[in-house]
C-alpha atoms as a PDB file:
ATOM      1  CA  MET A   1       0.000   0.000   0.000  1.00  0.00           C
ATOM      2  CA  ILE A   2       1.214   3.505  -0.839  1.00  0.00           C
ATOM      3  CA  GLY A   3       0.607   6.110   1.831  1.00  0.00           C
ATOM      4  CA  LYS A   4      -0.362   9.741   1.371  1.00  0.00           C
ATOM      5  CA  ILE A   5       1.485  12.801   2.581  1.00  0.00           C
ATOM      6  CA  GLU A   6      -0.477  14.971   4.980  1.00  0.00           C
ATOM      7  CA  ARG A   7       0.546  18.441   6.101  1.00  0.00           C
ATOM      8  CA  VAL A   8       0.564  19.012   9.832  1.00  0.00           C
ATOM      9  CA  PRO A   9       0.148  22.505  11.345  1.00  0.00           C
ATOM     10  CA  LEU A  10       3.569  23.593  12.550  1.00  0.00           C
ATOM     11  CA  ARG A  11       2.234  24.688  15.929  1.00  0.00           C
ATOM     12  CA  GLU A  12       1.062  21.138  16.564  1.00  0.00           C
ATOM     13  CA  VAL A  13       4.646  19.920  16.213  1.00  0.00           C
ATOM     14  CA  TRP A  14       6.512  22.872  17.716  1.00  0.00           C
ATOM     15  CA  LYS A  15       4.222  24.819  20.025  1.00  0.00           C
ATOM     16  CA  ASN A  16       6.752  27.555  20.774  1.00  0.00           C
ATOM     17  CA  GLU A  17       9.004  29.002  18.102  1.00  0.00           C
ATOM     18  CA  ALA A  18      11.897  29.939  20.397  1.00  0.00           C
ATOM     19  CA  TYR A  19      11.846  27.080  22.922  1.00  0.00           C
ATOM     20  CA  ASP A  20      10.675  24.239  20.710  1.00  0.00           C
ATOM     21  CA  PHE A  21      11.473  24.883  17.055  1.00  0.00           C
ATOM     22  CA  THR A  22      14.770  26.748  17.478  1.00  0.00           C
ATOM     23  CA  THR A  23      15.987  24.205  20.035  1.00  0.00           C
ATOM     24  CA  TRP A  24      15.041  21.346  17.722  1.00  0.00           C
ATOM     25  CA  LEU A  25      16.796  23.040  14.785  1.00  0.00           C
ATOM     26  CA  GLN A  26      19.940  23.555  16.874  1.00  0.00           C
ATOM     27  CA  ASP A  27      20.096  19.800  17.376  1.00  0.00           C
ATOM     28  CA  ASN A  28      19.201  18.976  13.769  1.00  0.00           C
ATOM     29  CA  LEU A  29      21.463  21.140  11.629  1.00  0.00           C
ATOM     30  CA  ASP A  30      21.516  18.393   9.004  1.00  0.00           C
ATOM     31  CA  VAL A  31      17.999  19.496   8.015  1.00  0.00           C
ATOM     32  CA  LEU A  32      19.324  22.980   7.199  1.00  0.00           C
ATOM     33  CA  ASN A  33      22.384  21.539   5.492  1.00  0.00           C
ATOM     34  CA  GLY A  34      20.230  19.340   3.287  1.00  0.00           C
ATOM     35  CA  ALA A  35      18.047  22.247   2.159  1.00  0.00           C
ATOM     36  CA  THR A  36      20.787  24.834   1.640  1.00  0.00           C
ATOM     37  CA  GLY A  37      23.909  22.865   0.765  1.00  0.00           C
ATOM     38  CA  LEU A  38      25.736  24.497   3.657  1.00  0.00           C
ATOM     39  CA  ASN A  39      27.992  22.560   6.029  1.00  0.00           C
ATOM     40  CA  LEU A  40      26.890  23.808   9.445  1.00  0.00           C
ATOM     41  CA  LEU A  41      28.669  22.032  12.298  1.00  0.00           C
ATOM     42  CA  SER A  42      27.560  23.808  15.465  1.00  0.00           C
ATOM     43  CA  ALA A  43      25.046  26.402  16.620  1.00  0.00           C
ATOM     44  CA  GLU A  44      24.378  28.664  19.597  1.00  0.00           C
ATOM     45  CA  ARG A  45      20.929  30.005  20.478  1.00  0.00           C
ATOM     46  CA  GLU A  46      19.779  33.519  21.317  1.00  0.00           C
ATOM     47  CA  LYS A  47      23.063  35.361  20.766  1.00  0.00           C
ATOM     48  CA  ALA A  48      22.771  39.093  21.429  1.00  0.00           C
ATOM     49  CA  ALA A  49      23.002  41.553  18.551  1.00  0.00           C
ATOM     50  CA  GLY A  50      22.499  44.987  20.082  1.00  0.00           C
ATOM     51  CA  ASP A  51      18.934  45.179  21.387  1.00  0.00           C
ATOM     52  CA  PHE A  52      18.010  41.999  19.521  1.00  0.00           C
ATOM     53  CA  SER A  53      18.964  38.350  19.777  1.00  0.00           C
ATOM     54  CA  VAL A  54      19.453  36.072  16.799  1.00  0.00           C
ATOM     55  CA  ASP A  55      17.793  32.648  16.919  1.00  0.00           C
ATOM     56  CA  LEU A  56      20.896  30.687  15.899  1.00  0.00           C
ATOM     57  CA  VAL A  57      24.500  31.596  15.220  1.00  0.00           C
ATOM     58  CA  CYS A  58      26.164  28.713  13.404  1.00  0.00           C
ATOM     59  CA  GLU A  59      29.691  27.846  12.322  1.00  0.00           C
ATOM     60  CA  ASP A  60      30.393  26.061   9.067  1.00  0.00           C
ATOM     61  CA  GLY A  61      33.213  23.716   8.142  1.00  0.00           C
ATOM     62  CA  ALA A  62      35.411  26.583   6.987  1.00  0.00           C
ATOM     63  CA  GLY A  63      35.001  28.504  10.245  1.00  0.00           C
ATOM     64  CA  GLY A  64      32.566  31.020   8.761  1.00  0.00           C
ATOM     65  CA  THR A  65      29.565  32.408  10.622  1.00  0.00           C
ATOM     66  CA  VAL A  66      25.995  31.806   9.455  1.00  0.00           C
ATOM     67  CA  VAL A  67      22.988  33.385  11.179  1.00  0.00           C
ATOM     68  CA  VAL A  68      19.557  31.763  11.211  1.00  0.00           C
ATOM     69  CA  GLU A  69      16.258  33.554  11.874  1.00  0.00           C
ATOM     70  CA  ASN A  70      13.120  31.465  12.389  1.00  0.00           C
ATOM     71  CA  GLN A  71       9.535  32.536  11.862  1.00  0.00           C
ATOM     72  CA  LEU A  72       6.781  29.902  12.083  1.00  0.00           C
ATOM     73  CA  GLU A  73       4.310  32.197  10.319  1.00  0.00           C
ATOM     74  CA  ARG A  74       4.094  34.395   7.242  1.00  0.00           C
ATOM     75  CA  SER A  75       7.283  36.292   6.464  1.00  0.00           C
ATOM     76  CA  ASP A  76       7.222  39.963   7.457  1.00  0.00           C
ATOM     77  CA  HIS A  77       9.333  43.092   7.107  1.00  0.00           C
ATOM     78  CA  ASP A  78      10.383  43.032  10.759  1.00  0.00           C
ATOM     79  CA  HIS A  79      12.134  39.679  10.476  1.00  0.00           C
ATOM     80  CA  LEU A  80      13.723  40.591   7.138  1.00  0.00           C
ATOM     81  CA  GLY A  81      15.198  43.691   8.768  1.00  0.00           C
ATOM     82  CA  LYS A  82      16.474  41.635  11.693  1.00  0.00           C
ATOM     83  CA  LEU A  83      18.069  39.127   9.335  1.00  0.00           C
ATOM     84  CA  ILE A  84      20.085  41.852   7.608  1.00  0.00           C
ATOM     85  CA  THR A  85      21.003  43.390  10.973  1.00  0.00           C
ATOM     86  CA  TYR A  86      22.274  40.045  12.285  1.00  0.00           C
ATOM     87  CA  LEU A  87      24.322  39.427   9.152  1.00  0.00           C
ATOM     88  CA  ALA A  88      26.101  42.736   9.691  1.00  0.00           C
ATOM     89  CA  ALA A  89      26.388  42.450  13.493  1.00  0.00           C
ATOM     90  CA  PHE A  90      28.132  39.076  13.364  1.00  0.00           C
ATOM     91  CA  SER A  91      30.052  39.717  10.122  1.00  0.00           C
ATOM     92  CA  ALA A  92      28.393  36.543   8.888  1.00  0.00           C
ATOM     93  CA  LYS A  93      29.043  35.056   5.456  1.00  0.00           C
ATOM     94  CA  ALA A  94      25.427  33.886   5.073  1.00  0.00           C
ATOM     95  CA  ALA A  95      21.957  34.341   6.528  1.00  0.00           C
ATOM     96  CA  VAL A  96      19.141  31.776   6.587  1.00  0.00           C
ATOM     97  CA  TRP A  97      15.508  32.802   7.044  1.00  0.00           C
ATOM     98  CA  VAL A  98      13.083  29.982   7.869  1.00  0.00           C
ATOM     99  CA  VAL A  99       9.389  30.819   7.490  1.00  0.00           C
ATOM    100  CA  SER A 100       6.145  28.904   7.141  1.00  0.00           C
ATOM    101  CA  GLN A 101       4.673  31.140   4.418  1.00  0.00           C
ATOM    102  CA  PRO A 102       7.093  33.163   2.275  1.00  0.00           C
ATOM    103  CA  ARG A 103       5.356  36.227   0.866  1.00  0.00           C
ATOM    104  CA  PRO A 104       6.103  37.041  -2.807  1.00  0.00           C
ATOM    105  CA  GLU A 105       7.559  40.449  -1.961  1.00  0.00           C
ATOM    106  CA  HIS A 106      10.019  38.836   0.458  1.00  0.00           C
ATOM    107  CA  VAL A 107      10.990  36.193  -2.086  1.00  0.00           C
ATOM    108  CA  ALA A 108      11.819  39.064  -4.448  1.00  0.00           C
ATOM    109  CA  ALA A 109      13.667  40.939  -1.682  1.00  0.00           C
ATOM    110  CA  VAL A 110      15.911  37.988  -0.837  1.00  0.00           C
ATOM    111  CA  ALA A 111      16.631  37.413  -4.527  1.00  0.00           C
ATOM    112  CA  TRP A 112      17.594  41.094  -4.813  1.00  0.00           C
ATOM    113  CA  LEU A 113      19.874  40.837  -1.769  1.00  0.00           C
ATOM    114  CA  ASN A 114      21.710  37.926  -3.375  1.00  0.00           C
ATOM    115  CA  GLU A 115      22.194  39.991  -6.527  1.00  0.00           C
ATOM    116  CA  SER A 116      23.163  43.239  -4.839  1.00  0.00           C
ATOM    117  CA  SER A 117      25.075  42.500  -1.632  1.00  0.00           C
ATOM    118  CA  SER A 118      28.284  40.765  -0.635  1.00  0.00           C
ATOM    119  CA  GLY A 119      26.393  38.418   1.714  1.00  0.00           C
ATOM    120  CA  THR A 120      24.457  35.328   0.727  1.00  0.00           C
ATOM    121  CA  PHE A 121      20.852  34.766   1.753  1.00  0.00           C
ATOM    122  CA  TYR A 122      18.635  31.700   1.943  1.00  0.00           C
ATOM    123  CA  LEU A 123      14.856  31.742   2.284  1.00  0.00           C
ATOM    124  CA  LEU A 124      13.427  28.387   3.399  1.00  0.00           C
ATOM    125  CA  LYS A 125       9.828  27.272   3.709  1.00  0.00           C
ATOM    126  CA  ALA A 126       9.287  25.078   6.775  1.00  0.00           C
ATOM    127  CA  GLU A 127       6.537  22.486   6.797  1.00  0.00           C
ATOM    128  CA  ALA A 128       5.664  19.431   8.862  1.00  0.00           C
ATOM    129  CA  ILE A 129       4.331  16.326   7.166  1.00  0.00           C
ATOM    130  CA  ARG A 130       3.320  12.810   8.054  1.00  0.00           C
ATOM    131  CA  ILE A 131       2.352   9.780   6.018  1.00  0.00           C
ATOM    132  CA  THR A 132      -1.115   8.322   6.367  1.00  0.00           C
ATOM    133  CA  SER A 133      -1.858   4.759   5.298  1.00  0.00           C
ATOM    134  CA  GLY A 134      -5.544   4.107   5.609  1.00  0.00           C
ATOM    135  CA  ASP A 135      -6.591   2.012   8.614  1.00  0.00           C
ATOM    136  CA  GLU A 136      -2.985   1.681   9.763  1.00  0.00           C
ATOM    137  CA  GLY A 137      -2.920   5.258  11.014  1.00  0.00           C
ATOM    138  CA  HIS A 138      -0.137   7.700  10.303  1.00  0.00           C
ATOM    139  CA  SER A 139       3.536   8.238  10.927  1.00  0.00           C
ATOM    140  CA  ALA A 140       5.116  10.649  13.360  1.00  0.00           C
ATOM    141  CA  PRO A 141       5.487  14.205  12.004  1.00  0.00           C
ATOM    142  CA  ALA A 142       8.638  14.934  10.016  1.00  0.00           C
ATOM    143  CA  PRO A 143      10.160  18.258   8.903  1.00  0.00           C
ATOM    144  CA  LEU A 144      10.132  19.342   5.272  1.00  0.00           C
ATOM    145  CA  MET A 145      12.445  22.248   4.386  1.00  0.00           C
ATOM    146  CA  THR A 146      12.129  23.700   0.881  1.00  0.00           C
ATOM    147  CA  LEU A 147      14.637  26.196  -0.498  1.00  0.00           C
ATOM    148  CA  ILE A 148      12.651  29.077  -1.994  1.00  0.00           C
ATOM    149  CA  VAL A 149      15.547  31.441  -2.778  1.00  0.00           C
ATOM    150  CA  GLY A 150      19.281  30.936  -2.466  1.00  0.00           C
ATOM    151  CA  PRO A 151      22.507  32.399  -3.800  1.00  0.00           C
ATOM    152  CA  SER A 152      23.894  31.488  -7.203  1.00  0.00           C
ATOM    153  CA  ALA A 153      26.676  32.533  -9.534  1.00  0.00           C
ATOM    154  CA  GLU A 154      24.015  33.688 -11.992  1.00  0.00           C
ATOM    155  CA  ALA A 155      22.408  35.955  -9.374  1.00  0.00           C
ATOM    156  CA  LYS A 156      25.758  37.570  -8.543  1.00  0.00           C
ATOM    157  CA  GLU A 157      26.440  38.122 -12.248  1.00  0.00           C
ATOM    158  CA  ILE A 158      23.000  39.695 -12.655  1.00  0.00           C
ATOM    159  CA  GLY A 159      23.785  41.940  -9.698  1.00  0.00           C
ATOM    160  CA  ARG A 160      27.097  43.036 -11.217  1.00  0.00           C
ATOM    161  CA  THR A 161      25.333  43.737 -14.517  1.00  0.00           C
ATOM    162  CA  LYS A 162      22.684  45.857 -12.790  1.00  0.00           C
ATOM    163  CA  ILE A 163      25.354  47.852 -10.976  1.00  0.00           C
ATOM    164  CA  ASP A 164      27.209  48.418 -14.248  1.00  0.00           C
ATOM    165  CA  ILE A 165      24.012  49.571 -15.954  1.00  0.00           C
ATOM    166  CA  ALA A 166      23.235  51.948 -13.094  1.00  0.00           C
ATOM    167  CA  GLU A 167      26.755  53.378 -13.261  1.00  0.00           C
ATOM    168  CA  ARG A 168      26.503  53.837 -17.008  1.00  0.00           C
ATOM    169  CA  HIS A 169      23.153  55.610 -16.639  1.00  0.00           C
ATOM    170  CA  HIS A 170      24.594  57.952 -14.022  1.00  0.00           C
ATOM    171  CA  GLU A 171      27.698  58.715 -16.104  1.00  0.00           C
ATOM    172  CA  ARG A 172      25.686  59.430 -19.247  1.00  0.00           C
ATOM    173  CA  LEU A 173      23.326  61.733 -17.356  1.00  0.00           C
ATOM    174  CA  ARG A 174      26.359  63.678 -16.082  1.00  0.00           C
ATOM    175  CA  PHE A 175      27.817  63.741 -19.586  1.00  0.00           C
ATOM    176  CA  TRP A 176      24.687  65.153 -21.249  1.00  0.00           C
ATOM    177  CA  THR A 177      24.176  67.676 -18.459  1.00  0.00           C
ATOM    178  CA  ALA A 178      27.765  68.870 -18.940  1.00  0.00           C
ATOM    179  CA  LEU A 179      27.272  69.051 -22.711  1.00  0.00           C
ATOM    180  CA  GLN A 180      24.203  71.250 -22.372  1.00  0.00           C
ATOM    181  CA  GLU A 181      26.014  73.546 -19.964  1.00  0.00           C
ATOM    182  CA  ARG A 182      28.964  73.719 -22.367  1.00  0.00           C
ATOM    183  CA  ALA A 183      26.735  74.400 -25.389  1.00  0.00           C
ATOM    184  CA  ARG A 184      24.925  77.301 -23.738  1.00  0.00           C
ATOM    185  CA  GLY A 185      25.636  80.477 -25.668  1.00  0.00           C
ATOM    186  CA  ARG A 186      26.880  78.587 -28.752  1.00  0.00           C
ATOM    187  CA  THR A 187      23.743  76.802 -29.959  1.00  0.00           C
ATOM    188  CA  ARG A 188      20.162  76.356 -28.820  1.00  0.00           C
ATOM    189  CA  LEU A 189      19.614  73.152 -30.797  1.00  0.00           C
ATOM    190  CA  HIS A 190      19.312  70.884 -27.740  1.00  0.00           C
ATOM    191  CA  SER A 191      18.730  73.499 -25.045  1.00  0.00           C
ATOM    192  CA  ASN A 192      15.107  72.440 -24.442  1.00  0.00           C
ATOM    193  CA  VAL A 193      15.876  68.711 -24.198  1.00  0.00           C
ATOM    194  CA  THR A 194      15.942  67.119 -20.750  1.00  0.00           C
ATOM    195  CA  PRO A 195      19.151  65.102 -20.293  1.00  0.00           C
ATOM    196  CA  GLY A 196      18.500  61.403 -19.726  1.00  0.00           C
ATOM    197  CA  HIS A 197      20.273  58.107 -19.151  1.00  0.00           C
ATOM    198  CA  ASP A 198      20.356  56.951 -22.770  1.00  0.00           C
ATOM    199  CA  ASN A 199      23.463  57.000 -24.931  1.00  0.00           C
ATOM    200  CA  TRP A 200      21.853  59.586 -27.200  1.00  0.00           C
ATOM    201  CA  LEU A 201      20.504  63.107 -26.820  1.00  0.00           C
ATOM    202  CA  GLY A 202      18.223  64.157 -29.653  1.00  0.00           C
ATOM    203  CA  THR A 203      15.999  66.962 -30.855  1.00  0.00           C
ATOM    204  CA  SER A 204      13.781  67.413 -33.889  1.00  0.00           C
ATOM    205  CA  ALA A 205      15.463  68.488 -37.107  1.00  0.00           C
ATOM    206  CA  GLY A 206      12.318  70.450 -37.958  1.00  0.00           C
ATOM    207  CA  LYS A 207      10.680  67.645 -39.919  1.00  0.00           C
ATOM    208  CA  SER A 208       8.525  64.885 -38.459  1.00  0.00           C
ATOM    209  CA  GLY A 209      10.510  61.707 -37.841  1.00  0.00           C
ATOM    210  CA  LEU A 210      13.934  63.319 -38.354  1.00  0.00           C
ATOM    211  CA  GLY A 211      16.168  63.849 -35.333  1.00  0.00           C
ATOM    212  CA  LEU A 212      19.476  65.614 -34.828  1.00  0.00           C
ATOM    213  CA  CYS A 213      21.271  63.542 -32.232  1.00  0.00           C
ATOM    214  CA  TYR A 214      24.425  63.380 -30.215  1.00  0.00           C
ATOM    215  CA  VAL A 215      25.478  59.775 -29.498  1.00  0.00           C
ATOM    216  CA  VAL A 216      28.158  58.759 -27.012  1.00  0.00           C
ATOM    217  CA  GLU A 217      29.639  55.342 -26.241  1.00  0.00           C
ATOM    218  CA  LEU A 218      32.410  54.241 -23.882  1.00  0.00           C
ATOM    219  CA  ALA A 219      35.221  55.684 -25.977  1.00  0.00           C
ATOM    220  CA  ARG A 220      33.502  56.920 -29.145  1.00  0.00           C
ATOM    221  CA  ASN A 221      31.000  59.566 -30.132  1.00  0.00           C
ATOM    222  CA  ARG A 222      29.083  60.830 -33.117  1.00  0.00           C
ATOM    223  CA  VAL A 223      26.554  63.362 -34.338  1.00  0.00           C
ATOM    224  CA  GLU A 224      23.836  62.127 -36.650  1.00  0.00           C
ATOM    225  CA  LEU A 225      20.619  62.715 -38.503  1.00  0.00           C
ATOM    226  CA  TYR A 226      18.361  59.816 -37.526  1.00  0.00           C
ATOM    227  CA  ILE A 227      15.550  59.154 -40.008  1.00  0.00           C
ATOM    228  CA  ASP A 228      12.570  57.209 -38.690  1.00  0.00           C
ATOM    229  CA  ARG A 229       9.056  58.296 -39.649  1.00  0.00           C
ATOM    230  CA  GLY A 230       7.223  55.112 -38.687  1.00  0.00           C
ATOM    231  CA  ILE A 231       6.765  51.480 -39.634  1.00  0.00           C
ATOM    232  CA  ASN A 232       7.369  51.968 -43.366  1.00  0.00           C
ATOM    233  CA  ALA A 233      11.087  51.541 -44.073  1.00  0.00           C
ATOM    234  CA  ALA A 234      10.592  52.661 -47.682  1.00  0.00           C
ATOM    235  CA  ASP A 235       9.599  56.157 -46.496  1.00  0.00           C
ATOM    236  CA  ASN A 236      12.818  56.480 -44.522  1.00  0.00           C
ATOM    237  CA  GLU A 237      14.910  55.195 -47.418  1.00  0.00           C
ATOM    238  CA  ALA A 238      13.266  57.680 -49.801  1.00  0.00           C
ATOM    239  CA  ILE A 239      14.228  60.551 -47.485  1.00  0.00           C
ATOM    240  CA  PHE A 240      17.750  59.164 -47.050  1.00  0.00           C
ATOM    241  CA  ASP A 241      18.155  58.941 -50.849  1.00  0.00           C
ATOM    242  CA  GLN A 242      17.222  62.610 -51.255  1.00  0.00           C
ATOM    243  CA  PHE A 243      20.047  63.581 -48.904  1.00  0.00           C
ATOM    244  CA  HIS A 244      22.427  61.122 -50.544  1.00  0.00           C
ATOM    245  CA  ARG A 245      21.923  62.733 -53.951  1.00  0.00           C
ATOM    246  CA  ASN A 246      23.397  65.888 -52.397  1.00  0.00           C
ATOM    247  CA  ARG A 247      26.201  64.059 -50.609  1.00  0.00           C
ATOM    248  CA  ASP A 248      29.059  66.058 -52.152  1.00  0.00           C
ATOM    249  CA  ALA A 249      27.510  69.414 -51.283  1.00  0.00           C
ATOM    250  CA  ILE A 250      26.653  68.345 -47.727  1.00  0.00           C
ATOM    251  CA  GLU A 251      30.132  66.960 -47.025  1.00  0.00           C
ATOM    252  CA  ALA A 252      31.796  70.007 -48.572  1.00  0.00           C
ATOM    253  CA  GLU A 253      29.818  72.298 -46.256  1.00  0.00           C
ATOM    254  CA  PHE A 254      30.427  70.066 -43.242  1.00  0.00           C
ATOM    255  CA  GLY A 255      34.153  69.916 -43.927  1.00  0.00           C
ATOM    256  CA  GLN A 256      34.754  66.156 -43.895  1.00  0.00           C
ATOM    257  CA  PRO A 257      33.288  62.855 -45.179  1.00  0.00           C
ATOM    258  CA  LEU A 258      30.201  61.490 -43.451  1.00  0.00           C
ATOM    259  CA  SER A 259      28.984  57.955 -42.795  1.00  0.00           C
ATOM    260  CA  TRP A 260      25.950  57.264 -45.008  1.00  0.00           C
ATOM    261  CA  GLU A 261      24.046  54.379 -43.421  1.00  0.00           C
ATOM    262  CA  ARG A 262      20.950  53.162 -45.248  1.00  0.00           C
ATOM    263  CA  LEU A 263      20.789  50.321 -42.700  1.00  0.00           C
ATOM    264  CA  GLU A 264      19.489  47.676 -45.076  1.00  0.00           C
ATOM    265  CA  GLY A 265      17.083  45.344 -43.298  1.00  0.00           C
ATOM    266  CA  LYS A 266      16.378  47.957 -40.615  1.00  0.00           C
ATOM    267  CA  ARG A 267      13.512  50.389 -40.483  1.00  0.00           C
ATOM    268  CA  ALA A 268      15.532  53.557 -39.893  1.00  0.00           C
ATOM    269  CA  CYS A 269      18.414  55.233 -41.734  1.00  0.00           C
ATOM    270  CA  ARG A 270      21.116  57.570 -40.513  1.00  0.00           C
ATOM    271  CA  ILE A 271      23.742  60.033 -41.677  1.00  0.00           C
ATOM    272  CA  ALA A 272      26.536  60.415 -39.159  1.00  0.00           C
ATOM    273  CA  ALA A 273      29.909  61.925 -38.377  1.00  0.00           C
ATOM    274  CA  ARG A 274      31.783  59.361 -36.282  1.00  0.00           C
ATOM    275  CA  TYR A 275      34.720  60.076 -33.992  1.00  0.00           C
ATOM    276  CA  GLU A 276      37.136  57.923 -31.979  1.00  0.00           C
ATOM    277  CA  ASN A 277      38.456  60.698 -29.724  1.00  0.00           C
ATOM    278  CA  GLY A 278      36.627  59.724 -26.538  1.00  0.00           C
ATOM    279  CA  GLY A 279      33.355  58.864 -24.867  1.00  0.00           C
ATOM    280  CA  TYR A 280      31.567  59.095 -21.534  1.00  0.00           C
ATOM    281  CA  ARG A 281      34.160  56.857 -19.858  1.00  0.00           C
ATOM    282  CA  SER A 282      36.941  59.249 -20.816  1.00  0.00           C
ATOM    283  CA  PRO A 283      38.615  60.940 -17.813  1.00  0.00           C
ATOM    284  CA  VAL A 284      36.482  63.837 -16.611  1.00  0.00           C
ATOM    285  CA  GLU A 285      39.366  66.256 -17.126  1.00  0.00           C
ATOM    286  CA  GLU A 286      39.185  65.422 -20.849  1.00  0.00           C
ATOM    287  CA  TRP A 287      35.465  66.148 -21.091  1.00  0.00           C
ATOM    288  CA  PRO A 288      35.704  69.902 -21.867  1.00  0.00           C
ATOM    289  CA  ALA A 289      37.749  69.346 -25.031  1.00  0.00           C
ATOM    290  CA  LEU A 290      35.589  66.367 -26.013  1.00  0.00           C
ATOM    291  CA  LEU A 291      32.340  68.268 -25.479  1.00  0.00           C
ATOM    292  CA  ASP A 292      33.625  71.282 -27.433  1.00  0.00           C
ATOM    293  CA  HIS A 293      34.497  68.936 -30.291  1.00  0.00           C
ATOM    294  CA  MET A 294      31.011  67.359 -30.287  1.00  0.00           C
ATOM    295  CA  ILE A 295      29.212  70.711 -30.063  1.00  0.00           C
ATOM    296  CA  ASP A 296      31.294  72.110 -32.911  1.00  0.00           C
ATOM    297  CA  ALA A 297      30.526  69.026 -35.009  1.00  0.00           C
ATOM    298  CA  MET A 298      26.781  69.367 -34.318  1.00  0.00           C
ATOM    299  CA  ILE A 299      26.752  73.048 -35.275  1.00  0.00           C
ATOM    300  CA  ARG A 300      28.557  72.333 -38.563  1.00  0.00           C
ATOM    301  CA  PHE A 301      26.410  69.255 -39.191  1.00  0.00           C
ATOM    302  CA  GLU A 302      23.113  71.086 -38.758  1.00  0.00           C
ATOM    303  CA  ARG A 303      24.356  73.978 -40.922  1.00  0.00           C
ATOM    304  CA  ALA A 304      25.349  71.583 -43.713  1.00  0.00           C
ATOM    305  CA  LEU A 305      21.961  69.825 -43.641  1.00  0.00           C
ATOM    306  CA  ARG A 306      19.782  72.921 -43.198  1.00  0.00           C
ATOM    307  CA  PRO A 307      19.168  73.864 -46.865  1.00  0.00           C
ATOM    308  CA  HIS A 308      18.495  70.249 -47.784  1.00  0.00           C
ATOM    309  CA  LEU A 309      16.068  69.855 -44.895  1.00  0.00           C
ATOM    310  CA  ALA A 310      14.185  72.938 -46.077  1.00  0.00           C
ATOM    311  CA  GLY A 311      13.750  71.502 -49.576  1.00  0.00           C
ATOM    312  CA  LEU A 312      12.965  67.957 -48.483  1.00  0.00           C
ATOM    313  CA  ALA A 313       9.990  66.223 -50.107  1.00  0.00           C
ATOM    314  CA  LEU A 314       8.378  64.109 -47.392  1.00  0.00           C
ATOM    315  CA  PRO A 315       6.228  61.071 -48.249  1.00  0.00           C
ATOM    316  CA  ALA A 316       2.854  60.813 -46.536  1.00  0.00           C
ATOM    317  CA  GLN A 317       3.418  59.366 -43.078  1.00  0.00           C
ATOM    318  CA  THR A 318       1.804  55.930 -42.970  1.00  0.00           C
ATOM    319  CA  ALA A 319       2.008  55.522 -39.212  1.00  0.00           C
ATOM    320  CA  PRO A 320       3.158  57.655 -36.277  1.00  0.00           C
ATOM    321  CA  ALA A 321       6.822  57.165 -35.408  1.00  0.00           C
ATOM    322  CA  ASP A 322       7.171  55.130 -32.239  1.00  0.00           C
ATOM    323  CA  ALA A 323      10.149  54.619 -29.925  1.00  0.00           C
ATOM    324  CA  ARG A 324      13.434  55.176 -31.666  1.00  0.00           C
ATOM    325  CA  LEU A 325      14.987  51.972 -33.028  1.00  0.00           C
ATOM    326  CA  ARG A 326      18.783  51.909 -33.032  1.00  0.00           C
ATOM    327  CA  ASP A 327      21.451  49.850 -34.684  1.00  0.00           C
ATOM    328  CA  LEU A 328      24.405  50.655 -32.427  1.00  0.00           C
END
């Protein structure tokens, strides 16, 4: 005969969280080890951490400290805060939070902590089960620990990627803010644009779907006319071709060759002046010269395109232009 698993209310097995469950867990570290993959060898109960006391302070096989916080009920903010406090107070390498009902927001919070902090965090769901077998009754209750969230190499890599993205966003915002300050008094082309986190800063060229843009990368930059009037690539190519027929005149006025990018297979087209003399990761002391170079290029670029923009024959717009698509 095959028995059935039956859940048992935790308070029927461990009536008191501190005196019953924590004491039992202290004597049964193998249950934690099995769920987390840790190698906990010993544990002390109710160690003081300022005005609080941590349920268990454990030592692993490498001599590292691991703190354990138990909660035989739904997870809450108070215990999450204590867990982080205990990790810091004991300079622990890991923290384990045992709960009966992990709330989704706390699952997400522990996942975020594993991505964003130097510590490692485990969220375990504690249950008690027994096996029933018809008329033969049922077994004694047994613990069931399920790992809900734990550390991983992938989580740490995601965390590093998020930090890098945040740093890039901050640096680009500083870069565009500095460019606008530098351009004040020389050109009003982008003076009404709010600096953002993107790698481009654009304004209308005076025609729907055409943008005059600065673009900055780690160590490169460019100024460009970005042509994107909607979902119809043929419209953009027709506009691009009108400019291309005047390529010699435009480049002569600009003062140097341009990059003519029809972007076959893409919706948009661009005309650009590309430079390898620095980007937003250049040393800050080099920014003034770099920004002056980009502003000068934009002024010359707009002046070279201006008469051809004025005489441009625009096809009927088949759909409103949506978010700018880039081929960086």
